[in-house]
Amino acid sequence: MKAVRKFDEKRYSYADYLQWHDEERYELIDGEPVLMSPAPNRAHQTISRNLEYHIFSFLQDRSCHVFDAPFDVRLEPHPIPDEASFHVVQPDIVVVCDPAKLDDHGCIGAPDWVIEIVSPSTASKDHIIKRQLYEQFGVREYWIVQPLDKILLVYRLLADGKYGKPDVYCSEDAVTVGILPELKIDLREVFRDLPS
């Protein structure tokens, strides 16, 4: 049985995070380590693959880039030293359109678009904690995919820097991506091939 890392009651930075070489994966929420859930299930992986395929195909020969987890996103202003970075997340899928935000470790600053695929163990984190973080740090578009219900919630950053009410889509809808208006994603394709 492997040991679980013990943490002191202190605020950890990205510099600390880089020293952890556990088999476990963590995110940092305001300097507090949060253990990530185990490997995603098949439905989660199917949805992730289908979404990333459509996004990747569209972004060929464009300046934006798509990445999937594990991929460190440091939600801090750019540039910032590792010891001053206290918000590190690993979204399921991210799109970054400013290459200056990319380095060898991932992304520094808010990606343009974040997608989280909800599992029962991550639902409250994705809907509450991460939504607030992504809003606070200026992620322009945040999608929450709910595999069990085959529903998509889309939050878009308004002029006041806040997310409005989410647009809700079902598995029969096609969704125009706000940050990339030429890209329309058919949710029938996203939810295709899910295990029954």
N, C-alpha and C. Protein backbone atom coordinates (compact mmCIF):
# COMPACT_ATOMS: atom_id res chain seq x y z
N MET A 1 0.85 -1.18 0.00
CA MET A 1 0.00 0.00 0.00
C MET A 1 0.89 1.24 0.00
N LYS A 2 0.62 2.17 -0.91
CA LYS A 2 1.48 3.34 -0.99
C LYS A 2 1.07 4.38 0.04
N ALA A 3 2.06 5.13 0.49
CA ALA A 3 1.81 6.16 1.50
C ALA A 3 1.18 7.38 0.84
N VAL A 4 0.29 8.04 1.57
CA VAL A 4 -0.31 9.28 1.10
C VAL A 4 0.51 10.42 1.66
N ARG A 5 0.84 11.38 0.81
CA ARG A 5 1.65 12.52 1.23
C ARG A 5 0.94 13.29 2.35
N LYS A 6 1.70 13.65 3.37
CA LYS A 6 1.17 14.47 4.46
C LYS A 6 1.63 15.91 4.24
N PHE A 7 0.71 16.84 4.43
CA PHE A 7 1.02 18.24 4.23
C PHE A 7 0.92 19.00 5.54
N ASP A 8 1.82 19.95 5.75
CA ASP A 8 1.72 20.86 6.88
C ASP A 8 0.63 21.87 6.57
N GLU A 9 0.22 22.57 7.61
CA GLU A 9 -0.79 23.61 7.40
C GLU A 9 -0.07 24.90 7.02
N LYS A 10 0.35 24.96 5.76
CA LYS A 10 1.00 26.16 5.24
C LYS A 10 0.51 26.36 3.81
N ARG A 11 0.81 27.49 3.28
CA ARG A 11 0.42 27.79 1.91
C ARG A 11 1.55 27.33 0.98
N TYR A 12 1.23 26.42 0.08
CA TYR A 12 2.23 25.87 -0.84
C TYR A 12 2.20 26.64 -2.16
N SER A 13 3.38 26.75 -2.76
CA SER A 13 3.50 27.46 -4.03
C SER A 13 3.78 26.46 -5.16
N TYR A 14 3.82 26.98 -6.36
CA TYR A 14 4.15 26.14 -7.50
C TYR A 14 5.58 25.61 -7.39
N ALA A 15 6.47 26.38 -6.76
CA ALA A 15 7.85 25.91 -6.53
C ALA A 15 7.84 24.65 -5.66
N ASP A 16 6.99 24.62 -4.62
CA ASP A 16 6.85 23.41 -3.79
C ASP A 16 6.28 22.27 -4.62
N TYR A 17 5.24 22.56 -5.35
CA TYR A 17 4.52 21.58 -6.18
C TYR A 17 5.48 20.86 -7.13
N LEU A 18 6.42 21.60 -7.70
CA LEU A 18 7.38 21.01 -8.64
C LEU A 18 8.32 20.00 -7.98
N GLN A 19 8.40 20.04 -6.65
CA GLN A 19 9.28 19.11 -5.93
C GLN A 19 8.58 17.79 -5.59
N TRP A 20 7.25 17.74 -5.77
CA TRP A 20 6.51 16.52 -5.41
C TRP A 20 6.60 15.53 -6.57
N HIS A 21 7.07 14.35 -6.27
CA HIS A 21 7.22 13.34 -7.31
C HIS A 21 6.40 12.10 -6.97
N ASP A 22 5.26 12.30 -6.34
CA ASP A 22 4.37 11.20 -5.97
C ASP A 22 3.70 10.62 -7.22
N GLU A 23 3.11 9.47 -7.03
CA GLU A 23 2.26 8.92 -8.07
C GLU A 23 0.93 9.67 -8.11
N GLU A 24 0.57 10.30 -7.01
CA GLU A 24 -0.69 11.05 -6.91
C GLU A 24 -0.54 12.38 -7.65
N ARG A 25 -1.67 12.89 -8.17
CA ARG A 25 -1.69 14.20 -8.81
C ARG A 25 -2.47 15.17 -7.92
N TYR A 26 -1.96 16.40 -7.83
CA TYR A 26 -2.57 17.42 -7.01
C TYR A 26 -2.82 18.67 -7.84
N GLU A 27 -3.75 19.48 -7.35
CA GLU A 27 -3.92 20.84 -7.82
C GLU A 27 -3.69 21.73 -6.59
N LEU A 28 -3.38 23.00 -6.82
CA LEU A 28 -3.25 23.96 -5.72
C LEU A 28 -4.38 24.97 -5.84
N ILE A 29 -5.18 25.07 -4.80
CA ILE A 29 -6.24 26.06 -4.75
C ILE A 29 -5.89 27.02 -3.61
N ASP A 30 -5.45 28.22 -3.98
CA ASP A 30 -4.98 29.22 -3.02
C ASP A 30 -3.93 28.63 -2.09
N GLY A 31 -3.00 27.86 -2.65
CA GLY A 31 -1.89 27.31 -1.89
C GLY A 31 -2.20 26.04 -1.13
N GLU A 32 -3.43 25.54 -1.23
CA GLU A 32 -3.80 24.31 -0.53
C GLU A 32 -3.80 23.14 -1.52
N PRO A 33 -3.02 22.08 -1.23
CA PRO A 33 -3.02 20.93 -2.13
C PRO A 33 -4.35 20.19 -2.10
N VAL A 34 -4.88 19.91 -3.28
CA VAL A 34 -6.13 19.18 -3.42
C VAL A 34 -5.83 17.95 -4.27
N LEU A 35 -6.03 16.78 -3.70
CA LEU A 35 -5.77 15.53 -4.40
C LEU A 35 -6.77 15.37 -5.54
N MET A 36 -6.27 15.04 -6.71
CA MET A 36 -7.15 14.83 -7.85
C MET A 36 -7.73 13.43 -7.79
N SER A 37 -8.86 13.25 -8.47
CA SER A 37 -9.51 11.94 -8.46
C SER A 37 -8.68 10.93 -9.26
N PRO A 38 -8.96 9.64 -9.07
CA PRO A 38 -8.23 8.61 -9.82
C PRO A 38 -8.43 8.78 -11.33
N ALA A 39 -7.79 7.93 -12.10
CA ALA A 39 -7.88 8.00 -13.56
C ALA A 39 -9.34 8.07 -14.00
N PRO A 40 -9.64 8.92 -14.99
CA PRO A 40 -11.02 9.07 -15.44
C PRO A 40 -11.59 7.78 -16.02
N ASN A 41 -12.93 7.65 -15.93
CA ASN A 41 -13.58 6.46 -16.47
C ASN A 41 -13.69 6.55 -18.00
N ARG A 42 -14.21 5.50 -18.58
CA ARG A 42 -14.25 5.40 -20.04
C ARG A 42 -15.13 6.48 -20.68
N ALA A 43 -16.27 6.79 -20.08
CA ALA A 43 -17.15 7.83 -20.63
C ALA A 43 -16.43 9.17 -20.65
N HIS A 44 -15.74 9.49 -19.56
CA HIS A 44 -14.97 10.73 -19.46
C HIS A 44 -13.92 10.79 -20.57
N GLN A 45 -13.19 9.70 -20.75
CA GLN A 45 -12.13 9.66 -21.76
C GLN A 45 -12.72 9.76 -23.18
N THR A 46 -13.86 9.15 -23.40
CA THR A 46 -14.50 9.21 -24.72
C THR A 46 -14.90 10.64 -25.06
N ILE A 47 -15.55 11.32 -24.10
CA ILE A 47 -15.96 12.71 -24.31
C ILE A 47 -14.74 13.60 -24.53
N SER A 48 -13.72 13.41 -23.72
CA SER A 48 -12.50 14.21 -23.85
C SER A 48 -11.88 14.03 -25.24
N ARG A 49 -11.77 12.79 -25.67
CA ARG A 49 -11.19 12.50 -27.00
C ARG A 49 -12.02 13.14 -28.10
N ASN A 50 -13.35 12.99 -28.03
CA ASN A 50 -14.22 13.54 -29.08
C ASN A 50 -14.13 15.07 -29.15
N LEU A 51 -14.13 15.71 -27.99
CA LEU A 51 -14.01 17.18 -27.96
C LEU A 51 -12.65 17.62 -28.49
N GLU A 52 -11.61 17.00 -27.97
CA GLU A 52 -10.26 17.43 -28.38
C GLU A 52 -10.03 17.21 -29.87
N TYR A 53 -10.58 16.13 -30.42
CA TYR A 53 -10.44 15.88 -31.85
C TYR A 53 -11.03 17.04 -32.66
N HIS A 54 -12.25 17.46 -32.32
CA HIS A 54 -12.89 18.55 -33.06
C HIS A 54 -12.12 19.86 -32.91
N ILE A 55 -11.68 20.14 -31.68
CA ILE A 55 -10.94 21.38 -31.44
C ILE A 55 -9.60 21.35 -32.16
N PHE A 56 -8.86 20.26 -32.00
CA PHE A 56 -7.55 20.14 -32.63
C PHE A 56 -7.66 20.27 -34.15
N SER A 57 -8.63 19.61 -34.75
CA SER A 57 -8.82 19.68 -36.21
C SER A 57 -9.07 21.12 -36.66
N PHE A 58 -9.90 21.84 -35.91
CA PHE A 58 -10.22 23.22 -36.25
C PHE A 58 -9.01 24.13 -36.11
N LEU A 59 -8.18 23.90 -35.09
CA LEU A 59 -7.07 24.82 -34.79
C LEU A 59 -5.84 24.62 -35.68
N GLN A 60 -5.86 23.64 -36.55
CA GLN A 60 -4.73 23.47 -37.46
C GLN A 60 -4.48 24.78 -38.21
N ASP A 61 -3.22 25.22 -38.24
CA ASP A 61 -2.82 26.45 -38.94
C ASP A 61 -3.43 27.71 -38.32
N ARG A 62 -3.82 27.64 -37.04
CA ARG A 62 -4.29 28.83 -36.32
C ARG A 62 -3.37 29.07 -35.14
N SER A 63 -3.47 30.24 -34.53
CA SER A 63 -2.54 30.61 -33.46
C SER A 63 -2.89 30.00 -32.09
N CYS A 64 -4.11 29.50 -31.92
CA CYS A 64 -4.50 28.90 -30.65
C CYS A 64 -4.04 27.44 -30.59
N HIS A 65 -3.82 26.95 -29.36
CA HIS A 65 -3.37 25.57 -29.16
C HIS A 65 -4.25 24.90 -28.11
N VAL A 66 -4.52 23.60 -28.31
CA VAL A 66 -5.33 22.83 -27.37
C VAL A 66 -4.42 21.85 -26.64
N PHE A 67 -4.67 21.68 -25.33
CA PHE A 67 -3.92 20.76 -24.49
C PHE A 67 -4.90 19.99 -23.61
N ASP A 68 -4.51 18.76 -23.24
CA ASP A 68 -5.35 17.99 -22.33
C ASP A 68 -4.55 17.61 -21.08
N ALA A 69 -5.27 17.23 -20.04
CA ALA A 69 -4.65 16.87 -18.77
C ALA A 69 -3.80 15.61 -18.92
N PRO A 70 -2.72 15.53 -18.17
CA PRO A 70 -2.25 16.51 -17.20
C PRO A 70 -1.46 17.64 -17.87
N PHE A 71 -1.87 18.86 -17.58
CA PHE A 71 -1.25 20.06 -18.14
C PHE A 71 -1.42 21.16 -17.10
N ASP A 72 -0.33 21.64 -16.54
CA ASP A 72 -0.40 22.63 -15.45
C ASP A 72 -0.83 24.00 -15.97
N VAL A 73 -1.85 24.56 -15.34
CA VAL A 73 -2.29 25.91 -15.60
C VAL A 73 -2.12 26.70 -14.31
N ARG A 74 -1.20 27.66 -14.34
CA ARG A 74 -0.96 28.51 -13.18
C ARG A 74 -1.80 29.77 -13.36
N LEU A 75 -2.86 29.85 -12.57
CA LEU A 75 -3.81 30.96 -12.71
C LEU A 75 -3.30 32.19 -11.98
N GLU A 76 -2.28 32.78 -12.53
CA GLU A 76 -1.67 33.97 -11.96
C GLU A 76 -1.36 34.93 -13.10
N PRO A 77 -1.14 36.20 -12.77
CA PRO A 77 -0.70 37.12 -13.83
C PRO A 77 0.65 36.68 -14.37
N HIS A 78 0.89 36.92 -15.63
CA HIS A 78 2.15 36.54 -16.28
C HIS A 78 3.03 37.77 -16.41
N PRO A 79 4.30 37.74 -16.16
CA PRO A 79 5.07 36.62 -15.58
C PRO A 79 5.01 36.67 -14.06
N ILE A 80 5.20 35.53 -13.44
CA ILE A 80 5.23 35.45 -11.98
C ILE A 80 6.19 34.34 -11.59
N PRO A 81 7.00 34.56 -10.56
CA PRO A 81 7.92 33.48 -10.16
C PRO A 81 7.16 32.31 -9.55
N ASP A 82 7.74 31.11 -9.66
CA ASP A 82 7.09 29.90 -9.15
C ASP A 82 6.73 30.01 -7.68
N GLU A 83 7.58 30.70 -6.89
CA GLU A 83 7.30 30.78 -5.45
C GLU A 83 6.14 31.71 -5.12
N ALA A 84 5.66 32.46 -6.10
CA ALA A 84 4.53 33.38 -5.86
C ALA A 84 3.25 32.88 -6.53
N SER A 85 3.29 31.66 -7.05
CA SER A 85 2.13 31.11 -7.74
C SER A 85 1.43 30.11 -6.82
N PHE A 86 0.17 30.37 -6.47
CA PHE A 86 -0.56 29.56 -5.49
C PHE A 86 -1.83 28.90 -6.04
N HIS A 87 -2.07 29.06 -7.33
CA HIS A 87 -3.25 28.48 -7.97
C HIS A 87 -2.80 27.68 -9.18
N VAL A 88 -2.78 26.36 -9.05
CA VAL A 88 -2.35 25.48 -10.14
C VAL A 88 -3.44 24.43 -10.34
N VAL A 89 -4.00 24.41 -11.54
CA VAL A 89 -5.06 23.45 -11.84
C VAL A 89 -4.67 22.64 -13.08
N GLN A 90 -5.33 21.51 -13.24
CA GLN A 90 -5.12 20.66 -14.41
C GLN A 90 -6.48 20.37 -15.04
N PRO A 91 -6.99 21.34 -15.83
CA PRO A 91 -8.29 21.12 -16.47
C PRO A 91 -8.23 19.95 -17.44
N ASP A 92 -9.38 19.40 -17.78
CA ASP A 92 -9.43 18.30 -18.73
C ASP A 92 -8.93 18.74 -20.11
N ILE A 93 -9.40 19.91 -20.56
CA ILE A 93 -8.97 20.46 -21.86
C ILE A 93 -8.83 21.98 -21.70
N VAL A 94 -7.77 22.53 -22.29
CA VAL A 94 -7.59 23.99 -22.30
C VAL A 94 -7.20 24.43 -23.70
N VAL A 95 -7.62 25.65 -24.04
CA VAL A 95 -7.20 26.29 -25.28
C VAL A 95 -6.53 27.60 -24.91
N VAL A 96 -5.32 27.78 -25.43
CA VAL A 96 -4.52 28.98 -25.16
C VAL A 96 -4.22 29.65 -26.50
N CYS A 97 -4.59 30.93 -26.62
CA CYS A 97 -4.38 31.65 -27.88
C CYS A 97 -3.22 32.62 -27.83
N ASP A 98 -2.63 32.83 -26.66
CA ASP A 98 -1.47 33.72 -26.52
C ASP A 98 -0.24 32.87 -26.25
N PRO A 99 0.64 32.67 -27.24
CA PRO A 99 1.80 31.81 -27.04
C PRO A 99 2.75 32.29 -25.95
N ALA A 100 2.68 33.57 -25.59
CA ALA A 100 3.54 34.09 -24.52
C ALA A 100 3.17 33.48 -23.16
N LYS A 101 1.97 32.91 -23.05
CA LYS A 101 1.55 32.29 -21.79
C LYS A 101 2.05 30.86 -21.64
N LEU A 102 2.66 30.30 -22.68
CA LEU A 102 3.09 28.90 -22.65
C LEU A 102 4.58 28.80 -22.32
N ASP A 103 4.91 27.84 -21.45
CA ASP A 103 6.30 27.52 -21.18
C ASP A 103 6.44 26.01 -21.10
N ASP A 104 7.61 25.53 -20.70
CA ASP A 104 7.84 24.08 -20.67
C ASP A 104 6.96 23.35 -19.66
N HIS A 105 6.44 24.06 -18.67
CA HIS A 105 5.61 23.43 -17.64
C HIS A 105 4.12 23.49 -17.93
N GLY A 106 3.70 24.36 -18.85
CA GLY A 106 2.28 24.50 -19.13
C GLY A 106 1.91 25.92 -19.48
N CYS A 107 0.91 26.44 -18.78
CA CYS A 107 0.37 27.77 -19.07
C CYS A 107 0.49 28.64 -17.82
N ILE A 108 0.95 29.88 -18.02
CA ILE A 108 0.96 30.88 -16.94
C ILE A 108 -0.07 31.94 -17.31
N GLY A 109 -1.08 32.09 -16.49
CA GLY A 109 -2.15 33.03 -16.77
C GLY A 109 -3.38 32.27 -17.24
N ALA A 110 -4.45 33.00 -17.44
CA ALA A 110 -5.72 32.38 -17.79
C ALA A 110 -5.72 31.88 -19.23
N PRO A 111 -6.05 30.60 -19.44
CA PRO A 111 -6.31 30.14 -20.81
C PRO A 111 -7.55 30.87 -21.34
N ASP A 112 -7.73 30.82 -22.63
CA ASP A 112 -8.91 31.45 -23.22
C ASP A 112 -10.17 30.62 -23.01
N TRP A 113 -9.99 29.29 -22.98
CA TRP A 113 -11.14 28.38 -22.91
C TRP A 113 -10.73 27.18 -22.08
N VAL A 114 -11.56 26.82 -21.12
CA VAL A 114 -11.33 25.66 -20.26
C VAL A 114 -12.55 24.75 -20.33
N ILE A 115 -12.30 23.45 -20.42
CA ILE A 115 -13.38 22.46 -20.39
C ILE A 115 -13.10 21.48 -19.26
N GLU A 116 -14.08 21.29 -18.40
CA GLU A 116 -14.00 20.27 -17.35
C GLU A 116 -15.12 19.26 -17.60
N ILE A 117 -14.78 17.99 -17.50
CA ILE A 117 -15.75 16.91 -17.66
C ILE A 117 -16.02 16.36 -16.27
N VAL A 118 -17.24 16.51 -15.82
CA VAL A 118 -17.62 16.22 -14.43
C VAL A 118 -17.69 14.72 -14.17
N SER A 119 -17.15 14.34 -13.03
CA SER A 119 -17.38 12.99 -12.51
C SER A 119 -18.05 13.19 -11.14
N PRO A 120 -18.68 12.16 -10.58
CA PRO A 120 -19.34 12.35 -9.29
C PRO A 120 -18.42 12.91 -8.21
N SER A 121 -17.14 12.54 -8.25
CA SER A 121 -16.22 13.01 -7.20
C SER A 121 -15.73 14.43 -7.43
N THR A 122 -15.92 14.99 -8.64
CA THR A 122 -15.42 16.34 -8.91
C THR A 122 -16.53 17.37 -9.12
N ALA A 123 -17.78 16.97 -9.04
CA ALA A 123 -18.89 17.86 -9.41
C ALA A 123 -18.87 19.19 -8.66
N SER A 124 -18.78 19.16 -7.34
CA SER A 124 -18.83 20.43 -6.59
C SER A 124 -17.59 21.27 -6.87
N LYS A 125 -16.44 20.63 -7.03
CA LYS A 125 -15.21 21.38 -7.33
C LYS A 125 -15.34 22.07 -8.69
N ASP A 126 -15.84 21.35 -9.70
CA ASP A 126 -15.96 21.93 -11.04
C ASP A 126 -17.02 23.03 -11.10
N HIS A 127 -18.16 22.80 -10.43
CA HIS A 127 -19.27 23.75 -10.51
C HIS A 127 -19.09 24.97 -9.61
N ILE A 128 -18.37 24.82 -8.52
CA ILE A 128 -18.27 25.93 -7.56
C ILE A 128 -16.84 26.47 -7.49
N ILE A 129 -15.92 25.68 -7.00
CA ILE A 129 -14.56 26.17 -6.74
C ILE A 129 -13.86 26.59 -8.03
N LYS A 130 -13.85 25.70 -9.01
CA LYS A 130 -13.14 26.03 -10.24
C LYS A 130 -13.87 27.12 -11.04
N ARG A 131 -15.18 27.11 -11.02
CA ARG A 131 -15.91 28.19 -11.72
C ARG A 131 -15.51 29.54 -11.15
N GLN A 132 -15.45 29.63 -9.81
CA GLN A 132 -15.05 30.89 -9.18
C GLN A 132 -13.62 31.27 -9.52
N LEU A 133 -12.72 30.28 -9.52
CA LEU A 133 -11.31 30.54 -9.88
C LEU A 133 -11.20 31.03 -11.32
N TYR A 134 -11.86 30.33 -12.24
CA TYR A 134 -11.75 30.70 -13.65
C TYR A 134 -12.34 32.09 -13.90
N GLU A 135 -13.41 32.41 -13.21
CA GLU A 135 -13.98 33.75 -13.31
C GLU A 135 -13.01 34.78 -12.74
N GLN A 136 -12.49 34.52 -11.54
CA GLN A 136 -11.58 35.45 -10.87
C GLN A 136 -10.36 35.78 -11.72
N PHE A 137 -9.82 34.77 -12.41
CA PHE A 137 -8.58 34.99 -13.16
C PHE A 137 -8.82 35.28 -14.64
N GLY A 138 -10.07 35.36 -15.07
CA GLY A 138 -10.37 35.85 -16.41
C GLY A 138 -10.37 34.83 -17.53
N VAL A 139 -10.72 33.57 -17.24
CA VAL A 139 -10.90 32.59 -18.31
C VAL A 139 -12.15 33.01 -19.10
N ARG A 140 -11.97 33.27 -20.38
CA ARG A 140 -13.05 33.87 -21.18
C ARG A 140 -14.23 32.95 -21.39
N GLU A 141 -13.98 31.65 -21.48
CA GLU A 141 -15.07 30.70 -21.70
C GLU A 141 -14.81 29.43 -20.91
N TYR A 142 -15.82 28.99 -20.16
CA TYR A 142 -15.69 27.80 -19.32
C TYR A 142 -16.85 26.86 -19.62
N TRP A 143 -16.50 25.64 -20.07
CA TRP A 143 -17.50 24.62 -20.35
C TRP A 143 -17.44 23.54 -19.28
N ILE A 144 -18.62 23.16 -18.80
CA ILE A 144 -18.74 22.02 -17.87
C ILE A 144 -19.60 20.97 -18.57
N VAL A 145 -18.98 19.82 -18.81
CA VAL A 145 -19.67 18.72 -19.48
C VAL A 145 -20.14 17.73 -18.42
N GLN A 146 -21.41 17.37 -18.46
CA GLN A 146 -21.99 16.42 -17.52
C GLN A 146 -22.34 15.14 -18.27
N PRO A 147 -21.46 14.12 -18.21
CA PRO A 147 -21.66 12.91 -19.00
C PRO A 147 -22.94 12.15 -18.68
N LEU A 148 -23.30 12.04 -17.41
CA LEU A 148 -24.47 11.23 -17.06
C LEU A 148 -25.74 11.78 -17.67
N ASP A 149 -25.88 13.11 -17.66
CA ASP A 149 -27.08 13.76 -18.20
C ASP A 149 -26.94 14.14 -19.67
N LYS A 150 -25.72 14.03 -20.19
CA LYS A 150 -25.41 14.48 -21.55
C LYS A 150 -25.82 15.94 -21.73
N ILE A 151 -25.33 16.75 -20.80
CA ILE A 151 -25.64 18.18 -20.78
C ILE A 151 -24.32 18.96 -20.77
N LEU A 152 -24.34 20.13 -21.40
CA LEU A 152 -23.20 21.04 -21.40
C LEU A 152 -23.65 22.38 -20.85
N LEU A 153 -22.90 22.92 -19.89
CA LEU A 153 -23.11 24.27 -19.39
C LEU A 153 -21.96 25.13 -19.90
N VAL A 154 -22.29 26.29 -20.45
CA VAL A 154 -21.27 27.19 -20.99
C VAL A 154 -21.35 28.53 -20.28
N TYR A 155 -20.24 28.88 -19.63
CA TYR A 155 -20.10 30.19 -18.99
C TYR A 155 -19.22 31.06 -19.87
N ARG A 156 -19.65 32.31 -20.07
CA ARG A 156 -18.85 33.26 -20.85
C ARG A 156 -18.63 34.50 -20.00
N LEU A 157 -17.38 35.00 -20.04
CA LEU A 157 -17.02 36.17 -19.26
C LEU A 157 -17.65 37.41 -19.87
N LEU A 158 -18.35 38.17 -19.06
CA LEU A 158 -19.02 39.38 -19.52
C LEU A 158 -18.08 40.58 -19.36
N ALA A 159 -18.53 41.75 -19.82
CA ALA A 159 -17.71 42.96 -19.78
C ALA A 159 -17.32 43.35 -18.36
N ASP A 160 -18.14 42.98 -17.36
CA ASP A 160 -17.83 43.34 -15.98
C ASP A 160 -16.85 42.36 -15.32
N GLY A 161 -16.34 41.39 -16.11
CA GLY A 161 -15.38 40.42 -15.56
C GLY A 161 -16.03 39.29 -14.80
N LYS A 162 -17.33 39.14 -14.91
CA LYS A 162 -18.06 38.07 -14.23
C LYS A 162 -18.70 37.16 -15.27
N TYR A 163 -18.95 35.91 -14.84
CA TYR A 163 -19.71 35.00 -15.69
C TYR A 163 -21.19 35.31 -15.55
N GLY A 164 -21.88 35.32 -16.68
CA GLY A 164 -23.33 35.43 -16.64
C GLY A 164 -23.92 34.06 -16.32
N LYS A 165 -25.23 33.97 -16.41
CA LYS A 165 -25.88 32.66 -16.24
C LYS A 165 -25.39 31.75 -17.36
N PRO A 166 -25.22 30.46 -17.05
CA PRO A 166 -24.71 29.57 -18.10
C PRO A 166 -25.77 29.29 -19.16
N ASP A 167 -25.30 29.12 -20.39
CA ASP A 167 -26.16 28.58 -21.43
C ASP A 167 -26.13 27.06 -21.25
N VAL A 168 -27.27 26.42 -21.38
CA VAL A 168 -27.37 24.98 -21.16
C VAL A 168 -27.75 24.31 -22.47
N TYR A 169 -26.99 23.27 -22.84
CA TYR A 169 -27.22 22.56 -24.09
C TYR A 169 -27.41 21.08 -23.81
N CYS A 170 -28.21 20.43 -24.66
CA CYS A 170 -28.41 18.98 -24.54
C CYS A 170 -27.66 18.27 -25.67
N SER A 171 -27.72 16.96 -25.66
CA SER A 171 -26.94 16.15 -26.60
C SER A 171 -27.37 16.31 -28.06
N GLU A 172 -28.49 16.97 -28.31
CA GLU A 172 -28.94 17.16 -29.70
C GLU A 172 -28.50 18.50 -30.27
N ASP A 173 -27.86 19.34 -29.46
CA ASP A 173 -27.53 20.70 -29.88
C ASP A 173 -26.16 20.80 -30.54
N ALA A 174 -25.99 21.86 -31.32
CA ALA A 174 -24.68 22.25 -31.85
C ALA A 174 -24.34 23.58 -31.17
N VAL A 175 -23.11 23.70 -30.68
CA VAL A 175 -22.72 24.86 -29.87
C VAL A 175 -21.64 25.65 -30.59
N THR A 176 -21.89 26.95 -30.75
CA THR A 176 -20.88 27.84 -31.30
C THR A 176 -19.94 28.28 -30.18
N VAL A 177 -18.65 28.12 -30.39
CA VAL A 177 -17.66 28.48 -29.38
C VAL A 177 -17.51 30.00 -29.38
N GLY A 178 -17.70 30.61 -28.20
CA GLY A 178 -17.68 32.07 -28.11
C GLY A 178 -16.35 32.68 -28.49
N ILE A 179 -15.25 32.07 -28.08
CA ILE A 179 -13.93 32.66 -28.39
C ILE A 179 -13.48 32.34 -29.81
N LEU A 180 -14.11 31.37 -30.43
CA LEU A 180 -13.78 30.97 -31.81
C LEU A 180 -15.09 30.81 -32.58
N PRO A 181 -15.74 31.91 -32.96
CA PRO A 181 -17.09 31.84 -33.50
C PRO A 181 -17.24 31.01 -34.78
N GLU A 182 -16.12 30.73 -35.46
CA GLU A 182 -16.21 29.89 -36.67
C GLU A 182 -16.31 28.41 -36.32
N LEU A 183 -16.06 28.08 -35.05
CA LEU A 183 -16.08 26.68 -34.61
C LEU A 183 -17.43 26.35 -33.99
N LYS A 184 -18.10 25.38 -34.57
CA LYS A 184 -19.38 24.89 -34.03
C LYS A 184 -19.19 23.42 -33.71
N ILE A 185 -19.52 23.03 -32.48
CA ILE A 185 -19.34 21.65 -32.04
C ILE A 185 -20.70 20.99 -31.88
N ASP A 186 -20.87 19.89 -32.60
CA ASP A 186 -22.10 19.11 -32.56
C ASP A 186 -22.02 18.16 -31.36
N LEU A 187 -22.89 18.37 -30.39
CA LEU A 187 -22.83 17.54 -29.18
C LEU A 187 -23.23 16.10 -29.43
N ARG A 188 -23.91 15.82 -30.52
CA ARG A 188 -24.17 14.42 -30.86
C ARG A 188 -22.86 13.69 -31.10
N GLU A 189 -21.89 14.40 -31.70
CA GLU A 189 -20.57 13.81 -31.92
C GLU A 189 -19.77 13.69 -30.63
N VAL A 190 -19.93 14.67 -29.74
CA VAL A 190 -19.23 14.65 -28.45
C VAL A 190 -19.68 13.48 -27.60
N PHE A 191 -21.00 13.24 -27.55
CA PHE A 191 -21.54 12.19 -26.69
C PHE A 191 -21.68 10.84 -27.42
N ARG A 192 -21.15 10.75 -28.62
CA ARG A 192 -21.20 9.51 -29.41
C ARG A 192 -20.27 8.47 -28.77
N ASP A 193 -20.63 7.22 -28.92
CA ASP A 193 -19.80 6.09 -28.49
C ASP A 193 -19.66 5.97 -26.96
N LEU A 194 -20.55 6.59 -26.21
CA LEU A 194 -20.46 6.46 -24.76
C LEU A 194 -20.87 5.04 -24.35
N PRO A 195 -20.19 4.48 -23.35
CA PRO A 195 -20.62 3.16 -22.88
C PRO A 195 -22.02 3.25 -22.27
N SER A 196 -22.83 2.21 -22.48
CA SER A 196 -24.20 2.26 -21.95
C SER A 196 -24.26 1.74 -20.55
